[in-house]
Amino acid sequence: MHLQGEPSLEQIDDYNNNESPEKRRTIRLVIIGILVVGVIYALVKYNFSTPNDYIGTPENPGINTSKD
C-alpha cells in the first residue's frame, strides 16, 4: 500500500549503503564526541568524588582515619 507521494525505499538517498560521505563523517563525529564527553565525565567523577575520611561530628568526635 503506497500513499500518494510516499517514496519507496529505493528512492531514499540513504537506502542500501548509499549515504553521502558528509553524512558518514557527521555520524562518526557525533559518536566520537559523545564518547569523549563520556570519558571526560567519568574521569572528573572518579577524580573529584573522594569521600572525606573523617567519621564523626564536632560534638561527638569519631574516628579520624588520616595519618597524622
C-alpha atoms as a PDB file:
ATOM      1  CA  MET A   1       0.000   0.000   0.000  1.00  0.00           C
ATOM      2  CA  HIS A   2       1.589   3.257  -1.139  1.00  0.00           C
ATOM      3  CA  LEU A   3       0.222   6.591  -0.114  1.00  0.00           C
ATOM      4  CA  GLN A   4       0.146   9.376  -2.644  1.00  0.00           C
ATOM      5  CA  GLY A   5       3.619  10.956  -2.873  1.00  0.00           C
ATOM      6  CA  GLU A   6       5.274   8.494  -0.469  1.00  0.00           C
ATOM      7  CA  PRO A   7       8.745   7.467  -1.701  1.00  0.00           C
ATOM      8  CA  SER A   8       9.747   3.840  -1.957  1.00  0.00           C
ATOM      9  CA  LEU A   9      12.920   2.582  -0.243  1.00  0.00           C
ATOM     10  CA  GLU A  10      14.887   2.679  -3.499  1.00  0.00           C
ATOM     11  CA  GLN A  11      14.068   6.395  -3.898  1.00  0.00           C
ATOM     12  CA  ILE A  12      15.506   7.326  -0.489  1.00  0.00           C
ATOM     13  CA  ASP A  13      19.108   8.572  -0.743  1.00  0.00           C
ATOM     14  CA  ASP A  14      20.410   6.691   2.306  1.00  0.00           C
ATOM     15  CA  TYR A  15      18.953   3.273   1.480  1.00  0.00           C
ATOM     16  CA  ASN A  16      21.264   0.272   0.989  1.00  0.00           C
ATOM     17  CA  ASN A  17      24.597   1.964   1.958  1.00  0.00           C
ATOM     18  CA  ASN A  18      24.157   4.883  -0.436  1.00  0.00           C
ATOM     19  CA  GLU A  19      24.649   7.649   2.132  1.00  0.00           C
ATOM     20  CA  SER A  20      26.880  10.566   1.295  1.00  0.00           C
ATOM     21  CA  PRO A  21      30.425  10.873   2.711  1.00  0.00           C
ATOM     22  CA  GLU A  22      29.367  14.023   4.582  1.00  0.00           C
ATOM     23  CA  LYS A  23      26.636  12.130   6.430  1.00  0.00           C
ATOM     24  CA  ARG A  24      29.026   9.318   7.336  1.00  0.00           C
ATOM     25  CA  ARG A  25      31.577  11.824   8.651  1.00  0.00           C
ATOM     26  CA  THR A  26      28.922  13.669  10.650  1.00  0.00           C
ATOM     27  CA  ILE A  27      27.685  10.476  12.283  1.00  0.00           C
ATOM     28  CA  ARG A  28      31.252   9.427  13.147  1.00  0.00           C
ATOM     29  CA  LEU A  29      31.990  12.848  14.658  1.00  0.00           C
ATOM     30  CA  VAL A  30      28.816  12.736  16.755  1.00  0.00           C
ATOM     31  CA  ILE A  31      29.640   9.255  18.078  1.00  0.00           C
ATOM     32  CA  ILE A  32      33.254  10.209  18.832  1.00  0.00           C
ATOM     33  CA  GLY A  33      32.084  13.409  20.533  1.00  0.00           C
ATOM     34  CA  ILE A  34      29.656  11.519  22.756  1.00  0.00           C
ATOM     35  CA  LEU A  35      32.380   9.034  23.721  1.00  0.00           C
ATOM     36  CA  VAL A  36      34.852  11.834  24.530  1.00  0.00           C
ATOM     37  CA  VAL A  37      32.305  13.648  26.701  1.00  0.00           C
ATOM     38  CA  GLY A  38      31.537  10.367  28.497  1.00  0.00           C
ATOM     39  CA  VAL A  39      35.214   9.707  29.188  1.00  0.00           C
ATOM     40  CA  ILE A  40      35.746  13.252  30.479  1.00  0.00           C
ATOM     41  CA  TYR A  41      32.684  12.949  32.722  1.00  0.00           C
ATOM     42  CA  ALA A  42      33.859   9.582  34.089  1.00  0.00           C
ATOM     43  CA  LEU A  43      37.364  10.911  34.807  1.00  0.00           C
ATOM     44  CA  VAL A  44      36.057  14.013  36.587  1.00  0.00           C
ATOM     45  CA  LYS A  45      33.599  11.959  38.615  1.00  0.00           C
ATOM     46  CA  TYR A  46      36.288   9.426  39.563  1.00  0.00           C
ATOM     47  CA  ASN A  47      38.940  12.009  40.493  1.00  0.00           C
ATOM     48  CA  PHE A  48      36.795  14.551  42.340  1.00  0.00           C
ATOM     49  CA  SER A  49      34.323  12.418  44.258  1.00  0.00           C
ATOM     50  CA  THR A  50      36.601  11.134  47.005  1.00  0.00           C
ATOM     51  CA  PRO A  51      34.809  10.782  50.328  1.00  0.00           C
ATOM     52  CA  ASN A  52      36.007  12.515  53.458  1.00  0.00           C
ATOM     53  CA  ASP A  53      37.861  10.108  55.751  1.00  0.00           C
ATOM     54  CA  TYR A  54      36.714  11.774  58.986  1.00  0.00           C
ATOM     55  CA  ILE A  55      33.894   9.940  60.743  1.00  0.00           C
ATOM     56  CA  GLY A  56      32.032  11.926  63.381  1.00  0.00           C
ATOM     57  CA  THR A  57      30.749  15.402  64.235  1.00  0.00           C
ATOM     58  CA  PRO A  58      32.294  18.276  66.216  1.00  0.00           C
ATOM     59  CA  GLU A  59      30.033  17.462  69.215  1.00  0.00           C
ATOM     60  CA  ASN A  60      30.619  13.728  69.012  1.00  0.00           C
ATOM     61  CA  PRO A  61      34.098  13.081  67.629  1.00  0.00           C
ATOM     62  CA  GLY A  62      34.577   9.815  65.835  1.00  0.00           C
ATOM     63  CA  ILE A  63      37.493   8.051  64.231  1.00  0.00           C
ATOM     64  CA  ASN A  64      39.994  10.021  62.187  1.00  0.00           C
ATOM     65  CA  THR A  65      41.487   7.664  59.618  1.00  0.00           C
ATOM     66  CA  SER A  66      44.030  10.127  58.212  1.00  0.00           C
ATOM     67  CA  LYS A  67      47.653   9.595  59.242  1.00  0.00           C
ATOM     68  CA  ASP A  68      48.941  12.432  61.423  1.00  0.00           C
END
